[in-house]
């Protein structure tokens, strides 16, 4: 199973904020946001909750699990 996300979609729904702005709002680097969006990095529970809270969405609207069929 893999953790995927809708961060990019959420950014665009929130006045098309940049990765840099989001990173500053949740206290990480832009590279961290890039890595999360590309599913190269799984955020800590605390960071994931900060992102969800920032967007004002339910956890499942931002993050979801897919079956790994590789």
N, C-alpha and C. Protein backbone atom coordinates (compact mmCIF):
# COMPACT_ATOMS: atom_id res chain seq x y z
N UNK A 1 0.83 -1.18 0.00
CA UNK A 1 0.00 0.00 0.00
C UNK A 1 0.88 1.25 0.00
N UNK A 2 0.37 2.29 -0.64
CA UNK A 2 1.10 3.55 -0.72
C UNK A 2 0.19 4.71 -0.33
N UNK A 3 0.79 5.70 0.32
CA UNK A 3 0.06 6.90 0.68
C UNK A 3 0.16 7.90 -0.47
N UNK A 4 -0.96 8.35 -0.94
CA UNK A 4 -1.03 9.36 -2.00
C UNK A 4 -1.71 10.60 -1.44
N UNK A 5 -1.72 11.67 -2.23
CA UNK A 5 -2.31 12.90 -1.71
C UNK A 5 -2.88 13.77 -2.82
N UNK A 6 -3.67 14.73 -2.38
CA UNK A 6 -4.27 15.72 -3.27
C UNK A 6 -3.74 17.12 -2.95
N UNK A 7 -2.49 17.21 -2.51
CA UNK A 7 -1.96 18.51 -2.10
C UNK A 7 -1.98 19.52 -3.24
N UNK A 8 -1.58 19.11 -4.40
CA UNK A 8 -1.55 20.05 -5.53
C UNK A 8 -2.95 20.60 -5.81
N UNK A 9 -3.93 19.71 -5.83
CA UNK A 9 -5.32 20.12 -6.04
C UNK A 9 -5.76 21.08 -4.93
N UNK A 10 -5.42 20.76 -3.70
CA UNK A 10 -5.79 21.61 -2.57
C UNK A 10 -5.15 22.99 -2.68
N UNK A 11 -3.89 23.03 -3.13
CA UNK A 11 -3.22 24.32 -3.30
C UNK A 11 -3.95 25.19 -4.31
N UNK A 12 -4.39 24.58 -5.40
CA UNK A 12 -5.05 25.35 -6.44
C UNK A 12 -6.46 25.77 -6.03
N UNK A 13 -7.10 24.94 -5.22
CA UNK A 13 -8.42 25.31 -4.70
C UNK A 13 -8.30 26.45 -3.68
N UNK A 14 -7.14 26.59 -3.08
CA UNK A 14 -6.90 27.64 -2.07
C UNK A 14 -6.15 28.80 -2.74
N UNK A 15 -6.78 29.43 -3.68
CA UNK A 15 -6.24 30.62 -4.37
C UNK A 15 -4.92 30.35 -5.07
N UNK A 16 -4.70 29.12 -5.52
CA UNK A 16 -3.50 28.74 -6.26
C UNK A 16 -2.22 29.12 -5.52
N UNK A 17 -2.18 28.82 -4.22
CA UNK A 17 -0.98 29.14 -3.45
C UNK A 17 0.21 28.33 -3.95
N UNK A 18 1.38 28.88 -3.79
CA UNK A 18 2.59 28.20 -4.25
C UNK A 18 3.05 27.17 -3.22
N UNK A 19 3.93 26.30 -3.65
CA UNK A 19 4.54 25.34 -2.74
C UNK A 19 5.31 26.07 -1.65
N UNK A 20 5.94 27.17 -2.00
CA UNK A 20 6.71 27.97 -1.05
C UNK A 20 5.82 28.53 0.06
N UNK A 21 4.68 29.08 -0.32
CA UNK A 21 3.74 29.63 0.66
C UNK A 21 3.24 28.53 1.58
N UNK A 22 2.84 27.40 1.02
CA UNK A 22 2.37 26.28 1.83
C UNK A 22 3.45 25.81 2.78
N UNK A 23 4.66 25.69 2.28
CA UNK A 23 5.78 25.23 3.12
C UNK A 23 5.96 26.15 4.32
N UNK A 24 5.95 27.45 4.08
CA UNK A 24 6.11 28.41 5.19
C UNK A 24 4.97 28.31 6.19
N UNK A 25 3.77 28.12 5.70
CA UNK A 25 2.60 28.04 6.58
C UNK A 25 2.66 26.83 7.52
N UNK A 26 3.24 25.73 7.06
CA UNK A 26 3.28 24.52 7.90
C UNK A 26 4.66 24.25 8.47
N UNK A 27 5.64 25.13 8.18
CA UNK A 27 6.95 25.03 8.81
C UNK A 27 7.91 24.01 8.24
N UNK A 28 7.86 23.85 6.92
CA UNK A 28 8.81 22.94 6.25
C UNK A 28 9.41 23.66 5.04
N UNK A 29 10.27 22.99 4.31
CA UNK A 29 10.86 23.57 3.11
C UNK A 29 9.99 23.28 1.89
N UNK A 30 10.21 24.05 0.85
CA UNK A 30 9.51 23.82 -0.41
C UNK A 30 9.83 22.42 -0.94
N UNK A 31 11.06 21.98 -0.77
CA UNK A 31 11.46 20.64 -1.22
C UNK A 31 10.63 19.55 -0.55
N UNK A 32 10.29 19.76 0.72
CA UNK A 32 9.46 18.78 1.43
C UNK A 32 8.08 18.71 0.79
N UNK A 33 7.50 19.86 0.48
CA UNK A 33 6.18 19.88 -0.17
C UNK A 33 6.25 19.21 -1.54
N UNK A 34 7.30 19.50 -2.29
CA UNK A 34 7.48 18.86 -3.60
C UNK A 34 7.53 17.34 -3.44
N UNK A 35 8.31 16.87 -2.50
CA UNK A 35 8.47 15.43 -2.28
C UNK A 35 7.17 14.77 -1.85
N UNK A 36 6.40 15.46 -1.01
CA UNK A 36 5.11 14.90 -0.59
C UNK A 36 4.16 14.84 -1.78
N UNK A 37 4.09 15.92 -2.56
CA UNK A 37 3.20 15.94 -3.72
C UNK A 37 3.52 14.83 -4.71
N UNK A 38 4.80 14.52 -4.87
CA UNK A 38 5.22 13.47 -5.80
C UNK A 38 5.18 12.09 -5.17
N UNK A 39 4.72 12.00 -3.92
CA UNK A 39 4.66 10.75 -3.16
C UNK A 39 6.03 10.10 -3.00
N UNK A 40 7.07 10.92 -2.95
CA UNK A 40 8.43 10.44 -2.72
C UNK A 40 8.73 10.42 -1.22
N UNK A 41 7.93 11.17 -0.45
CA UNK A 41 8.14 11.31 0.98
C UNK A 41 6.80 11.20 1.69
N UNK A 42 6.75 10.38 2.72
CA UNK A 42 5.54 10.24 3.53
C UNK A 42 5.69 11.17 4.73
N UNK A 43 4.80 12.14 4.87
CA UNK A 43 4.93 13.08 5.98
C UNK A 43 4.65 12.42 7.32
N UNK A 44 5.22 13.01 8.37
CA UNK A 44 4.91 12.54 9.72
C UNK A 44 3.43 12.78 9.98
N UNK A 45 2.91 12.14 11.00
CA UNK A 45 1.51 12.34 11.36
C UNK A 45 1.26 13.81 11.68
N UNK A 46 2.18 14.44 12.40
CA UNK A 46 2.03 15.84 12.77
C UNK A 46 1.98 16.74 11.54
N UNK A 47 2.88 16.53 10.59
CA UNK A 47 2.91 17.34 9.38
C UNK A 47 1.64 17.11 8.55
N UNK A 48 1.23 15.86 8.43
CA UNK A 48 0.01 15.56 7.68
C UNK A 48 -1.19 16.27 8.29
N UNK A 49 -1.27 16.27 9.62
CA UNK A 49 -2.38 16.95 10.30
C UNK A 49 -2.30 18.46 10.13
N UNK A 50 -1.10 19.02 10.12
CA UNK A 50 -0.94 20.45 9.88
C UNK A 50 -1.44 20.82 8.48
N UNK A 51 -1.11 19.99 7.50
CA UNK A 51 -1.55 20.24 6.13
C UNK A 51 -3.06 20.17 6.03
N UNK A 52 -3.65 19.15 6.62
CA UNK A 52 -5.10 18.99 6.60
C UNK A 52 -5.78 20.18 7.26
N UNK A 53 -5.27 20.59 8.41
CA UNK A 53 -5.83 21.73 9.13
C UNK A 53 -5.71 23.02 8.32
N UNK A 54 -4.56 23.21 7.69
CA UNK A 54 -4.35 24.41 6.87
C UNK A 54 -5.41 24.53 5.79
N UNK A 55 -5.72 23.41 5.15
CA UNK A 55 -6.70 23.43 4.06
C UNK A 55 -8.14 23.37 4.55
N UNK A 56 -8.34 23.06 5.83
CA UNK A 56 -9.69 22.98 6.38
C UNK A 56 -10.49 21.84 5.80
N UNK A 57 -9.80 20.73 5.55
CA UNK A 57 -10.45 19.57 4.95
C UNK A 57 -10.36 18.37 5.87
N UNK A 58 -11.12 17.33 5.56
CA UNK A 58 -11.00 16.07 6.28
C UNK A 58 -9.72 15.38 5.80
N UNK A 59 -9.15 14.56 6.65
CA UNK A 59 -7.91 13.87 6.33
C UNK A 59 -8.02 13.12 5.00
N UNK A 60 -9.13 12.42 4.80
CA UNK A 60 -9.33 11.59 3.61
C UNK A 60 -9.46 12.41 2.33
N UNK A 61 -9.72 13.69 2.46
CA UNK A 61 -9.80 14.56 1.28
C UNK A 61 -8.41 14.97 0.80
N UNK A 62 -7.44 14.90 1.68
CA UNK A 62 -6.08 15.31 1.33
C UNK A 62 -5.18 14.09 1.10
N UNK A 63 -5.30 13.09 1.96
CA UNK A 63 -4.46 11.89 1.86
C UNK A 63 -5.32 10.65 1.68
N UNK A 64 -4.81 9.70 0.91
CA UNK A 64 -5.52 8.43 0.71
C UNK A 64 -4.51 7.33 0.44
N UNK A 65 -4.95 6.10 0.61
CA UNK A 65 -4.07 4.93 0.42
C UNK A 65 -4.51 4.19 -0.85
N UNK A 66 -3.51 3.77 -1.62
CA UNK A 66 -3.78 2.91 -2.77
C UNK A 66 -3.06 1.59 -2.59
N UNK A 67 -3.61 0.56 -3.19
CA UNK A 67 -2.94 -0.74 -3.15
C UNK A 67 -1.73 -0.71 -4.05
N UNK A 68 -0.65 -1.27 -3.57
CA UNK A 68 0.58 -1.35 -4.36
C UNK A 68 0.51 -2.60 -5.22
N UNK A 69 0.31 -2.43 -6.52
CA UNK A 69 0.12 -3.57 -7.42
C UNK A 69 1.37 -3.84 -8.27
N UNK A 70 2.49 -3.26 -7.88
CA UNK A 70 3.74 -3.46 -8.65
C UNK A 70 4.21 -4.88 -8.57
